[in-house]
Structure formats: C-alpha cells, structure tokens
Amino acid sequence: AMVNECLADPNLGLGVLYHRLVLDLID
C-alpha cells in the first residue's frame, strides 16, 4: 500500500518512498 501510494501520487513519488524505506531500514 505504501509503494502503490507513493507511485500513484506525483507529489510523493520515488523520493518519499525512498525516504520511508530508509527510515524502516534504520528501525
């Protein structure tokens, strides 16, 4: 759902997906 949300919304895109993924990896 996170991946699809970021890919579907041009205001989010790969940049926000990358940021969220890095935060999850840091956790």
mmCIF file of all heavy atoms, coordinates in Angstrom:
data_MODEL
# 
_entry.id   MODEL 
# 
loop_
_atom_site.group_PDB 
_atom_site.id 
_atom_site.type_symbol 
_atom_site.label_atom_id 
_atom_site.label_alt_id 
_atom_site.label_comp_id 
_atom_site.label_asym_id 
_atom_site.label_entity_id 
_atom_site.label_seq_id 
_atom_site.pdbx_PDB_ins_code 
_atom_site.Cartn_x 
_atom_site.Cartn_y 
_atom_site.Cartn_z 
_atom_site.occupancy 
_atom_site.B_iso_or_equiv 
_atom_site.pdbx_formal_charge 
_atom_site.auth_seq_id 
_atom_site.auth_comp_id 
_atom_site.auth_asym_id 
_atom_site.auth_atom_id 
_atom_site.pdbx_PDB_model_num 
ATOM 1   N N   . ALA A 1 1  ? 0.840  -1.204 0.000  1.00 0.00 ? 1  ALA A N   1 
ATOM 2   C CA  . ALA A 1 1  ? 0.000  0.000  0.000  1.00 0.00 ? 1  ALA A CA  1 
ATOM 3   C C   . ALA A 1 1  ? 0.873  1.252  0.000  1.00 0.00 ? 1  ALA A C   1 
ATOM 4   O O   . ALA A 1 1  ? 0.575  2.226  -0.698 1.00 0.00 ? 1  ALA A O   1 
ATOM 5   C CB  . ALA A 1 1  ? -0.937 -0.002 1.206  1.00 0.00 ? 1  ALA A CB  1 
ATOM 6   N N   . MET A 1 2  ? 1.965  1.225  0.770  1.00 0.00 ? 2  MET A N   1 
ATOM 7   C CA  . MET A 1 2  ? 2.888  2.360  0.801  1.00 0.00 ? 2  MET A CA  1 
ATOM 8   C C   . MET A 1 2  ? 3.522  2.557  -0.577 1.00 0.00 ? 2  MET A C   1 
ATOM 9   O O   . MET A 1 2  ? 3.617  3.678  -1.079 1.00 0.00 ? 2  MET A O   1 
ATOM 10  C CB  . MET A 1 2  ? 3.972  2.138  1.859  1.00 0.00 ? 2  MET A CB  1 
ATOM 11  C CG  . MET A 1 2  ? 5.035  3.225  1.894  1.00 0.00 ? 2  MET A CG  1 
ATOM 12  S SD  . MET A 1 2  ? 6.351  2.931  3.102  1.00 0.00 ? 2  MET A SD  1 
ATOM 13  C CE  . MET A 1 2  ? 7.280  1.611  2.305  1.00 0.00 ? 2  MET A CE  1 
ATOM 14  N N   . VAL A 1 3  ? 3.964  1.453  -1.177 1.00 0.00 ? 3  VAL A N   1 
ATOM 15  C CA  . VAL A 1 3  ? 4.601  1.532  -2.501 1.00 0.00 ? 3  VAL A CA  1 
ATOM 16  C C   . VAL A 1 3  ? 3.617  2.098  -3.514 1.00 0.00 ? 3  VAL A C   1 
ATOM 17  O O   . VAL A 1 3  ? 3.932  3.048  -4.245 1.00 0.00 ? 3  VAL A O   1 
ATOM 18  C CB  . VAL A 1 3  ? 5.103  0.140  -2.950 1.00 0.00 ? 3  VAL A CB  1 
ATOM 19  C CG1 . VAL A 1 3  ? 5.628  0.197  -4.379 1.00 0.00 ? 3  VAL A CG1 1 
ATOM 20  C CG2 . VAL A 1 3  ? 6.174  -0.363 -2.004 1.00 0.00 ? 3  VAL A CG2 1 
ATOM 21  N N   . ASN A 1 4  ? 2.423  1.538  -3.548 1.00 0.00 ? 4  ASN A N   1 
ATOM 22  C CA  . ASN A 1 4  ? 1.417  1.981  -4.526 1.00 0.00 ? 4  ASN A CA  1 
ATOM 23  C C   . ASN A 1 4  ? 0.989  3.418  -4.300 1.00 0.00 ? 4  ASN A C   1 
ATOM 24  O O   . ASN A 1 4  ? 0.770  4.167  -5.255 1.00 0.00 ? 4  ASN A O   1 
ATOM 25  C CB  . ASN A 1 4  ? 0.216  1.038  -4.512 1.00 0.00 ? 4  ASN A CB  1 
ATOM 26  C CG  . ASN A 1 4  ? 0.585  -0.336 -5.018 1.00 0.00 ? 4  ASN A CG  1 
ATOM 27  O OD1 . ASN A 1 4  ? 1.425  -0.479 -5.916 1.00 0.00 ? 4  ASN A OD1 1 
ATOM 28  N ND2 . ASN A 1 4  ? -0.029 -1.370 -4.448 1.00 0.00 ? 4  ASN A ND2 1 
ATOM 29  N N   . GLU A 1 5  ? 0.872  3.822  -3.036 1.00 0.00 ? 5  GLU A N   1 
ATOM 30  C CA  . GLU A 1 5  ? 0.507  5.208  -2.727 1.00 0.00 ? 5  GLU A CA  1 
ATOM 31  C C   . GLU A 1 5  ? 1.547  6.174  -3.278 1.00 0.00 ? 5  GLU A C   1 
ATOM 32  O O   . GLU A 1 5  ? 1.211  7.171  -3.915 1.00 0.00 ? 5  GLU A O   1 
ATOM 33  C CB  . GLU A 1 5  ? 0.376  5.396  -1.211 1.00 0.00 ? 5  GLU A CB  1 
ATOM 34  C CG  . GLU A 1 5  ? 0.141  6.841  -0.800 1.00 0.00 ? 5  GLU A CG  1 
ATOM 35  C CD  . GLU A 1 5  ? 0.312  7.075  0.694  1.00 0.00 ? 5  GLU A CD  1 
ATOM 36  O OE1 . GLU A 1 5  ? 0.953  6.256  1.386  1.00 0.00 ? 5  GLU A OE1 1 
ATOM 37  O OE2 . GLU A 1 5  ? -0.200 8.112  1.159  1.00 0.00 ? 5  GLU A OE2 1 
ATOM 38  N N   . CYS A 1 6  ? 2.814  5.860  -3.033 1.00 0.00 ? 6  CYS A N   1 
ATOM 39  C CA  . CYS A 1 6  ? 3.882  6.750  -3.488 1.00 0.00 ? 6  CYS A CA  1 
ATOM 40  C C   . CYS A 1 6  ? 3.977  6.790  -5.012 1.00 0.00 ? 6  CYS A C   1 
ATOM 41  O O   . CYS A 1 6  ? 4.221  7.854  -5.597 1.00 0.00 ? 6  CYS A O   1 
ATOM 42  C CB  . CYS A 1 6  ? 5.220  6.325  -2.889 1.00 0.00 ? 6  CYS A CB  1 
ATOM 43  S SG  . CYS A 1 6  ? 5.343  6.661  -1.121 1.00 0.00 ? 6  CYS A SG  1 
ATOM 44  N N   . LEU A 1 7  ? 3.793  5.649  -5.651 1.00 0.00 ? 7  LEU A N   1 
ATOM 45  C CA  . LEU A 1 7  ? 3.888  5.607  -7.109 1.00 0.00 ? 7  LEU A CA  1 
ATOM 46  C C   . LEU A 1 7  ? 2.689  6.269  -7.779 1.00 0.00 ? 7  LEU A C   1 
ATOM 47  O O   . LEU A 1 7  ? 2.819  6.844  -8.864 1.00 0.00 ? 7  LEU A O   1 
ATOM 48  C CB  . LEU A 1 7  ? 4.029  4.166  -7.593 1.00 0.00 ? 7  LEU A CB  1 
ATOM 49  C CG  . LEU A 1 7  ? 5.319  3.457  -7.183 1.00 0.00 ? 7  LEU A CG  1 
ATOM 50  C CD1 . LEU A 1 7  ? 5.320  2.028  -7.691 1.00 0.00 ? 7  LEU A CD1 1 
ATOM 51  C CD2 . LEU A 1 7  ? 6.545  4.203  -7.676 1.00 0.00 ? 7  LEU A CD2 1 
ATOM 52  N N   . ALA A 1 8  ? 1.532  6.219  -7.150 1.00 0.00 ? 8  ALA A N   1 
ATOM 53  C CA  . ALA A 1 8  ? 0.318  6.785  -7.735 1.00 0.00 ? 8  ALA A CA  1 
ATOM 54  C C   . ALA A 1 8  ? 0.224  8.295  -7.557 1.00 0.00 ? 8  ALA A C   1 
ATOM 55  O O   . ALA A 1 8  ? -0.425 8.981  -8.346 1.00 0.00 ? 8  ALA A O   1 
ATOM 56  C CB  . ALA A 1 8  ? -0.914 6.119  -7.131 1.00 0.00 ? 8  ALA A CB  1 
ATOM 57  N N   . ASP A 1 9  ? 0.864  8.823  -6.535 1.00 0.00 ? 9  ASP A N   1 
ATOM 58  C CA  . ASP A 1 9  ? 0.760  10.253 -6.231 1.00 0.00 ? 9  ASP A CA  1 
ATOM 59  C C   . ASP A 1 9  ? 2.039  10.965 -6.670 1.00 0.00 ? 9  ASP A C   1 
ATOM 60  O O   . ASP A 1 9  ? 3.097  10.780 -6.068 1.00 0.00 ? 9  ASP A O   1 
ATOM 61  C CB  . ASP A 1 9  ? 0.541  10.444 -4.729 1.00 0.00 ? 9  ASP A CB  1 
ATOM 62  C CG  . ASP A 1 9  ? 0.279  11.887 -4.344 1.00 0.00 ? 9  ASP A CG  1 
ATOM 63  O OD1 . ASP A 1 9  ? 0.567  12.801 -5.150 1.00 0.00 ? 9  ASP A OD1 1 
ATOM 64  O OD2 . ASP A 1 9  ? -0.201 12.109 -3.215 1.00 0.00 ? 9  ASP A OD2 1 
ATOM 65  N N   . PRO A 1 10 ? 1.960  11.813 -7.697 1.00 0.00 ? 10 PRO A N   1 
ATOM 66  C CA  . PRO A 1 10 ? 3.160  12.508 -8.173 1.00 0.00 ? 10 PRO A CA  1 
ATOM 67  C C   . PRO A 1 10 ? 3.783  13.441 -7.122 1.00 0.00 ? 10 PRO A C   1 
ATOM 68  O O   . PRO A 1 10 ? 4.970  13.755 -7.195 1.00 0.00 ? 10 PRO A O   1 
ATOM 69  C CB  . PRO A 1 10 ? 2.693  13.297 -9.396 1.00 0.00 ? 10 PRO A CB  1 
ATOM 70  C CG  . PRO A 1 10 ? 1.231  13.106 -9.508 1.00 0.00 ? 10 PRO A CG  1 
ATOM 71  C CD  . PRO A 1 10 ? 0.786  12.120 -8.480 1.00 0.00 ? 10 PRO A CD  1 
ATOM 72  N N   . ASN A 1 11 ? 2.996  13.846 -6.131 1.00 0.00 ? 11 ASN A N   1 
ATOM 73  C CA  . ASN A 1 11 ? 3.540  14.680 -5.063 1.00 0.00 ? 11 ASN A CA  1 
ATOM 74  C C   . ASN A 1 11 ? 4.423  13.879 -4.113 1.00 0.00 ? 11 ASN A C   1 
ATOM 75  O O   . ASN A 1 11 ? 5.202  14.451 -3.364 1.00 0.00 ? 11 ASN A O   1 
ATOM 76  C CB  . ASN A 1 11 ? 2.419  15.352 -4.275 1.00 0.00 ? 11 ASN A CB  1 
ATOM 77  C CG  . ASN A 1 11 ? 1.682  16.375 -5.113 1.00 0.00 ? 11 ASN A CG  1 
ATOM 78  O OD1 . ASN A 1 11 ? 2.291  17.090 -5.910 1.00 0.00 ? 11 ASN A OD1 1 
ATOM 79  N ND2 . ASN A 1 11 ? 0.371  16.429 -4.967 1.00 0.00 ? 11 ASN A ND2 1 
ATOM 80  N N   . LEU A 1 12 ? 4.254  12.562 -4.106 1.00 0.00 ? 12 LEU A N   1 
ATOM 81  C CA  . LEU A 1 12 ? 5.066  11.696 -3.255 1.00 0.00 ? 12 LEU A CA  1 
ATOM 82  C C   . LEU A 1 12 ? 6.199  11.097 -4.088 1.00 0.00 ? 12 LEU A C   1 
ATOM 83  O O   . LEU A 1 12 ? 7.353  11.411 -3.881 1.00 0.00 ? 12 LEU A O   1 
ATOM 84  C CB  . LEU A 1 12 ? 4.199  10.599 -2.623 1.00 0.00 ? 12 LEU A CB  1 
ATOM 85  C CG  . LEU A 1 12 ? 3.043  11.059 -1.744 1.00 0.00 ? 12 LEU A CG  1 
ATOM 86  C CD1 . LEU A 1 12 ? 2.225  9.870  -1.266 1.00 0.00 ? 12 LEU A CD1 1 
ATOM 87  C CD2 . LEU A 1 12 ? 3.547  11.880 -0.571 1.00 0.00 ? 12 LEU A CD2 1 
ATOM 88  N N   . GLY A 1 13 ? 5.861  10.200 -4.969 1.00 0.00 ? 13 GLY A N   1 
ATOM 89  C CA  . GLY A 1 13 ? 6.825  9.624  -5.898 1.00 0.00 ? 13 GLY A CA  1 
ATOM 90  C C   . GLY A 1 13 ? 7.894  8.773  -5.234 1.00 0.00 ? 13 GLY A C   1 
ATOM 91  O O   . GLY A 1 13 ? 7.799  8.368  -4.078 1.00 0.00 ? 13 GLY A O   1 
ATOM 92  N N   . LEU A 1 14 ? 8.939  8.517  -6.003 1.00 0.00 ? 14 LEU A N   1 
ATOM 93  C CA  . LEU A 1 14 ? 10.033 7.669  -5.541 1.00 0.00 ? 14 LEU A CA  1 
ATOM 94  C C   . LEU A 1 14 ? 10.829 8.309  -4.414 1.00 0.00 ? 14 LEU A C   1 
ATOM 95  O O   . LEU A 1 14 ? 11.389 7.609  -3.573 1.00 0.00 ? 14 LEU A O   1 
ATOM 96  C CB  . LEU A 1 14 ? 10.962 7.323  -6.706 1.00 0.00 ? 14 LEU A CB  1 
ATOM 97  C CG  . LEU A 1 14 ? 10.374 6.410  -7.774 1.00 0.00 ? 14 LEU A CG  1 
ATOM 98  C CD1 . LEU A 1 14 ? 11.341 6.256  -8.935 1.00 0.00 ? 14 LEU A CD1 1 
ATOM 99  C CD2 . LEU A 1 14 ? 10.001 5.062  -7.197 1.00 0.00 ? 14 LEU A CD2 1 
ATOM 100 N N   . GLY A 1 15 ? 10.861 9.637  -4.368 1.00 0.00 ? 15 GLY A N   1 
ATOM 101 C CA  . GLY A 1 15 ? 11.603 10.321 -3.308 1.00 0.00 ? 15 GLY A CA  1 
ATOM 102 C C   . GLY A 1 15 ? 11.047 10.027 -1.928 1.00 0.00 ? 15 GLY A C   1 
ATOM 103 O O   . GLY A 1 15 ? 11.786 9.716  -0.991 1.00 0.00 ? 15 GLY A O   1 
ATOM 104 N N   . VAL A 1 16 ? 9.744  10.111 -1.786 1.00 0.00 ? 16 VAL A N   1 
ATOM 105 C CA  . VAL A 1 16 ? 9.106  9.830  -0.499 1.00 0.00 ? 16 VAL A CA  1 
ATOM 106 C C   . VAL A 1 16 ? 9.205  8.339  -0.188 1.00 0.00 ? 16 VAL A C   1 
ATOM 107 O O   . VAL A 1 16 ? 9.447  7.945  0.956  1.00 0.00 ? 16 VAL A O   1 
ATOM 108 C CB  . VAL A 1 16 ? 7.636  10.321 -0.485 1.00 0.00 ? 16 VAL A CB  1 
ATOM 109 C CG1 . VAL A 1 16 ? 6.898  9.824  0.743  1.00 0.00 ? 16 VAL A CG1 1 
ATOM 110 C CG2 . VAL A 1 16 ? 7.608  11.843 -0.556 1.00 0.00 ? 16 VAL A CG2 1 
ATOM 111 N N   . LEU A 1 17 ? 9.048  7.506  -1.208 1.00 0.00 ? 17 LEU A N   1 
ATOM 112 C CA  . LEU A 1 17 ? 9.175  6.063  -1.000 1.00 0.00 ? 17 LEU A CA  1 
ATOM 113 C C   . LEU A 1 17 ? 10.583 5.724  -0.495 1.00 0.00 ? 17 LEU A C   1 
ATOM 114 O O   . LEU A 1 17 ? 10.750 4.950  0.444  1.00 0.00 ? 17 LEU A O   1 
ATOM 115 C CB  . LEU A 1 17 ? 8.866  5.303  -2.281 1.00 0.00 ? 17 LEU A CB  1 
ATOM 116 C CG  . LEU A 1 17 ? 8.911  3.781  -2.183 1.00 0.00 ? 17 LEU A CG  1 
ATOM 117 C CD1 . LEU A 1 17 ? 7.930  3.268  -1.125 1.00 0.00 ? 17 LEU A CD1 1 
ATOM 118 C CD2 . LEU A 1 17 ? 8.619  3.160  -3.537 1.00 0.00 ? 17 LEU A CD2 1 
ATOM 119 N N   . TYR A 1 18 ? 11.584 6.327  -1.097 1.00 0.00 ? 18 TYR A N   1 
ATOM 120 C CA  . TYR A 1 18 ? 12.974 6.126  -0.657 1.00 0.00 ? 18 TYR A CA  1 
ATOM 121 C C   . TYR A 1 18 ? 13.148 6.552  0.798  1.00 0.00 ? 18 TYR A C   1 
ATOM 122 O O   . TYR A 1 18 ? 13.729 5.831  1.608  1.00 0.00 ? 18 TYR A O   1 
ATOM 123 C CB  . TYR A 1 18 ? 13.918 6.924  -1.564 1.00 0.00 ? 18 TYR A CB  1 
ATOM 124 C CG  . TYR A 1 18 ? 15.348 6.941  -1.106 1.00 0.00 ? 18 TYR A CG  1 
ATOM 125 C CD1 . TYR A 1 18 ? 16.197 5.879  -1.398 1.00 0.00 ? 18 TYR A CD1 1 
ATOM 126 C CD2 . TYR A 1 18 ? 15.867 8.013  -0.391 1.00 0.00 ? 18 TYR A CD2 1 
ATOM 127 C CE1 . TYR A 1 18 ? 17.513 5.885  -0.987 1.00 0.00 ? 18 TYR A CE1 1 
ATOM 128 C CE2 . TYR A 1 18 ? 17.171 8.024  0.029  1.00 0.00 ? 18 TYR A CE2 1 
ATOM 129 C CZ  . TYR A 1 18 ? 17.999 6.962  -0.276 1.00 0.00 ? 18 TYR A CZ  1 
ATOM 130 O OH  . TYR A 1 18 ? 19.307 6.976  0.145  1.00 0.00 ? 18 TYR A OH  1 
ATOM 131 N N   . HIS A 1 19 ? 12.643 7.720  1.128  1.00 0.00 ? 19 HIS A N   1 
ATOM 132 C CA  . HIS A 1 19 ? 12.759 8.246  2.493  1.00 0.00 ? 19 HIS A CA  1 
ATOM 133 C C   . HIS A 1 19 ? 12.100 7.304  3.504  1.00 0.00 ? 19 HIS A C   1 
ATOM 134 O O   . HIS A 1 19 ? 12.691 6.983  4.540  1.00 0.00 ? 19 HIS A O   1 
ATOM 135 C CB  . HIS A 1 19 ? 12.137 9.634  2.561  1.00 0.00 ? 19 HIS A CB  1 
ATOM 136 C CG  . HIS A 1 19 ? 12.164 10.240 3.924  1.00 0.00 ? 19 HIS A CG  1 
ATOM 137 N ND1 . HIS A 1 19 ? 13.318 10.727 4.489  1.00 0.00 ? 19 HIS A ND1 1 
ATOM 138 C CD2 . HIS A 1 19 ? 11.178 10.411 4.841  1.00 0.00 ? 19 HIS A CD2 1 
ATOM 139 C CE1 . HIS A 1 19 ? 13.043 11.176 5.703  1.00 0.00 ? 19 HIS A CE1 1 
ATOM 140 N NE2 . HIS A 1 19 ? 11.762 11.000 5.945  1.00 0.00 ? 19 HIS A NE2 1 
ATOM 141 N N   . ARG A 1 20 ? 10.899 6.856  3.195  1.00 0.00 ? 20 ARG A N   1 
ATOM 142 C CA  . ARG A 1 20 ? 10.188 5.943  4.101  1.00 0.00 ? 20 ARG A CA  1 
ATOM 143 C C   . ARG A 1 20 ? 10.930 4.610  4.236  1.00 0.00 ? 20 ARG A C   1 
ATOM 144 O O   . ARG A 1 20 ? 11.015 4.044  5.323  1.00 0.00 ? 20 ARG A O   1 
ATOM 145 C CB  . ARG A 1 20 ? 8.770  5.695  3.599  1.00 0.00 ? 20 ARG A CB  1 
ATOM 146 C CG  . ARG A 1 20 ? 7.871  6.908  3.718  1.00 0.00 ? 20 ARG A CG  1 
ATOM 147 C CD  . ARG A 1 20 ? 6.508  6.627  3.141  1.00 0.00 ? 20 ARG A CD  1 
ATOM 148 N NE  . ARG A 1 20 ? 5.639  7.787  3.236  1.00 0.00 ? 20 ARG A NE  1 
ATOM 149 C CZ  . ARG A 1 20 ? 4.403  7.818  2.743  1.00 0.00 ? 20 ARG A CZ  1 
ATOM 150 N NH1 . ARG A 1 20 ? 3.895  6.759  2.144  1.00 0.00 ? 20 ARG A NH1 1 
ATOM 151 N NH2 . ARG A 1 20 ? 3.672  8.904  2.861  1.00 0.00 ? 20 ARG A NH2 1 
ATOM 152 N N   . LEU A 1 21 ? 11.472 4.125  3.131  1.00 0.00 ? 21 LEU A N   1 
ATOM 153 C CA  . LEU A 1 21 ? 12.200 2.862  3.153  1.00 0.00 ? 21 LEU A CA  1 
ATOM 154 C C   . LEU A 1 21 ? 13.465 2.979  3.999  1.00 0.00 ? 21 LEU A C   1 
ATOM 155 O O   . LEU A 1 21 ? 13.778 2.093  4.796  1.00 0.00 ? 21 LEU A O   1 
ATOM 156 C CB  . LEU A 1 21 ? 12.545 2.420  1.731  1.00 0.00 ? 21 LEU A CB  1 
ATOM 157 C CG  . LEU A 1 21 ? 13.296 1.110  1.581  1.00 0.00 ? 21 LEU A CG  1 
ATOM 158 C CD1 . LEU A 1 21 ? 12.543 -0.046 2.232  1.00 0.00 ? 21 LEU A CD1 1 
ATOM 159 C CD2 . LEU A 1 21 ? 13.557 0.829  0.110  1.00 0.00 ? 21 LEU A CD2 1 
ATOM 160 N N   . VAL A 1 22 ? 14.180 4.076  3.855  1.00 0.00 ? 22 VAL A N   1 
ATOM 161 C CA  . VAL A 1 22 ? 15.384 4.285  4.665  1.00 0.00 ? 22 VAL A CA  1 
ATOM 162 C C   . VAL A 1 22 ? 15.025 4.320  6.147  1.00 0.00 ? 22 VAL A C   1 
ATOM 163 O O   . VAL A 1 22 ? 15.717 3.713  6.972  1.00 0.00 ? 22 VAL A O   1 
ATOM 164 C CB  . VAL A 1 22 ? 16.138 5.570  4.227  1.00 0.00 ? 22 VAL A CB  1 
ATOM 165 C CG1 . VAL A 1 22 ? 17.192 5.965  5.239  1.00 0.00 ? 22 VAL A CG1 1 
ATOM 166 C CG2 . VAL A 1 22 ? 16.771 5.366  2.856  1.00 0.00 ? 22 VAL A CG2 1 
ATOM 167 N N   . LEU A 1 23 ? 13.946 4.999  6.498  1.00 0.00 ? 23 LEU A N   1 
ATOM 168 C CA  . LEU A 1 23 ? 13.528 5.047  7.910  1.00 0.00 ? 23 LEU A CA  1 
ATOM 169 C C   . LEU A 1 23 ? 13.193 3.657  8.432  1.00 0.00 ? 23 LEU A C   1 
ATOM 170 O O   . LEU A 1 23 ? 13.562 3.300  9.555  1.00 0.00 ? 23 LEU A O   1 
ATOM 171 C CB  . LEU A 1 23 ? 12.334 5.985  8.084  1.00 0.00 ? 23 LEU A CB  1 
ATOM 172 C CG  . LEU A 1 23 ? 12.607 7.472  7.861  1.00 0.00 ? 23 LEU A CG  1 
ATOM 173 C CD1 . LEU A 1 23 ? 11.319 8.276  8.010  1.00 0.00 ? 23 LEU A CD1 1 
ATOM 174 C CD2 . LEU A 1 23 ? 13.680 7.987  8.801  1.00 0.00 ? 23 LEU A CD2 1 
ATOM 175 N N   . ASP A 1 24 ? 12.506 2.856  7.614  1.00 0.00 ? 24 ASP A N   1 
ATOM 176 C CA  . ASP A 1 24 ? 12.183 1.484  8.022  1.00 0.00 ? 24 ASP A CA  1 
ATOM 177 C C   . ASP A 1 24 ? 13.451 0.654  8.186  1.00 0.00 ? 24 ASP A C   1 
ATOM 178 O O   . ASP A 1 24 ? 13.571 -0.144 9.121  1.00 0.00 ? 24 ASP A O   1 
ATOM 179 C CB  . ASP A 1 24 ? 11.255 0.819  7.008  1.00 0.00 ? 24 ASP A CB  1 
ATOM 180 C CG  . ASP A 1 24 ? 9.814  1.303  7.117  1.00 0.00 ? 24 ASP A CG  1 
ATOM 181 O OD1 . ASP A 1 24 ? 9.457  1.888  8.153  1.00 0.00 ? 24 ASP A OD1 1 
ATOM 182 O OD2 . ASP A 1 24 ? 9.051  1.078  6.158  1.00 0.00 ? 24 ASP A OD2 1 
ATOM 183 N N   . LEU A 1 25 ? 14.409 0.834  7.295  1.00 0.00 ? 25 LEU A N   1 
ATOM 184 C CA  . LEU A 1 25 ? 15.672 0.094  7.406  1.00 0.00 ? 25 LEU A CA  1 
ATOM 185 C C   . LEU A 1 25 ? 16.455 0.521  8.645  1.00 0.00 ? 25 LEU A C   1 
ATOM 186 O O   . LEU A 1 25 ? 17.053 -0.319 9.322  1.00 0.00 ? 25 LEU A O   1 
ATOM 187 C CB  . LEU A 1 25 ? 16.525 0.292  6.151  1.00 0.00 ? 25 LEU A CB  1 
ATOM 188 C CG  . LEU A 1 25 ? 16.081 -0.500 4.927  1.00 0.00 ? 25 LEU A CG  1 
ATOM 189 C CD1 . LEU A 1 25 ? 16.844 -0.030 3.690  1.00 0.00 ? 25 LEU A CD1 1 
ATOM 190 C CD2 . LEU A 1 25 ? 16.281 -1.985 5.145  1.00 0.00 ? 25 LEU A CD2 1 
ATOM 191 N N   . ILE A 1 26 ? 16.436 1.804  8.952  1.00 0.00 ? 26 ILE A N   1 
ATOM 192 C CA  . ILE A 1 26 ? 17.111 2.286  10.162 1.00 0.00 ? 26 ILE A CA  1 
ATOM 193 C C   . ILE A 1 26 ? 16.482 1.647  11.397 1.00 0.00 ? 26 ILE A C   1 
ATOM 194 O O   . ILE A 1 26 ? 17.187 1.231  12.315 1.00 0.00 ? 26 ILE A O   1 
ATOM 195 C CB  . ILE A 1 26 ? 17.082 3.828  10.239 1.00 0.00 ? 26 ILE A CB  1 
ATOM 196 C CG1 . ILE A 1 26 ? 18.017 4.415  9.180  1.00 0.00 ? 26 ILE A CG1 1 
ATOM 197 C CG2 . ILE A 1 26 ? 17.459 4.322  11.637 1.00 0.00 ? 26 ILE A CG2 1 
ATOM 198 C CD1 . ILE A 1 26 ? 17.904 5.918  9.015  1.00 0.00 ? 26 ILE A CD1 1 
ATOM 199 N N   . ASP A 1 27 ? 15.160 1.534  11.406 1.00 0.00 ? 27 ASP A N   1 
ATOM 200 C CA  . ASP A 1 27 ? 14.487 0.860  12.525 1.00 0.00 ? 27 ASP A CA  1 
ATOM 201 C C   . ASP A 1 27 ? 14.967 -0.583 12.656 1.00 0.00 ? 27 ASP A C   1 
ATOM 202 O O   . ASP A 1 27 ? 15.203 -1.076 13.758 1.00 0.00 ? 27 ASP A O   1 
ATOM 203 C CB  . ASP A 1 27 ? 12.968 0.883  12.345 1.00 0.00 ? 27 ASP A CB  1 
ATOM 204 C CG  . ASP A 1 27 ? 12.360 2.241  12.614 1.00 0.00 ? 27 ASP A CG  1 
ATOM 205 O OD1 . ASP A 1 27 ? 13.042 3.099  13.215 1.00 0.00 ? 27 ASP A OD1 1 
ATOM 206 O OD2 . ASP A 1 27 ? 11.193 2.453  12.220 1.00 0.00 ? 27 ASP A OD2 1 
# 
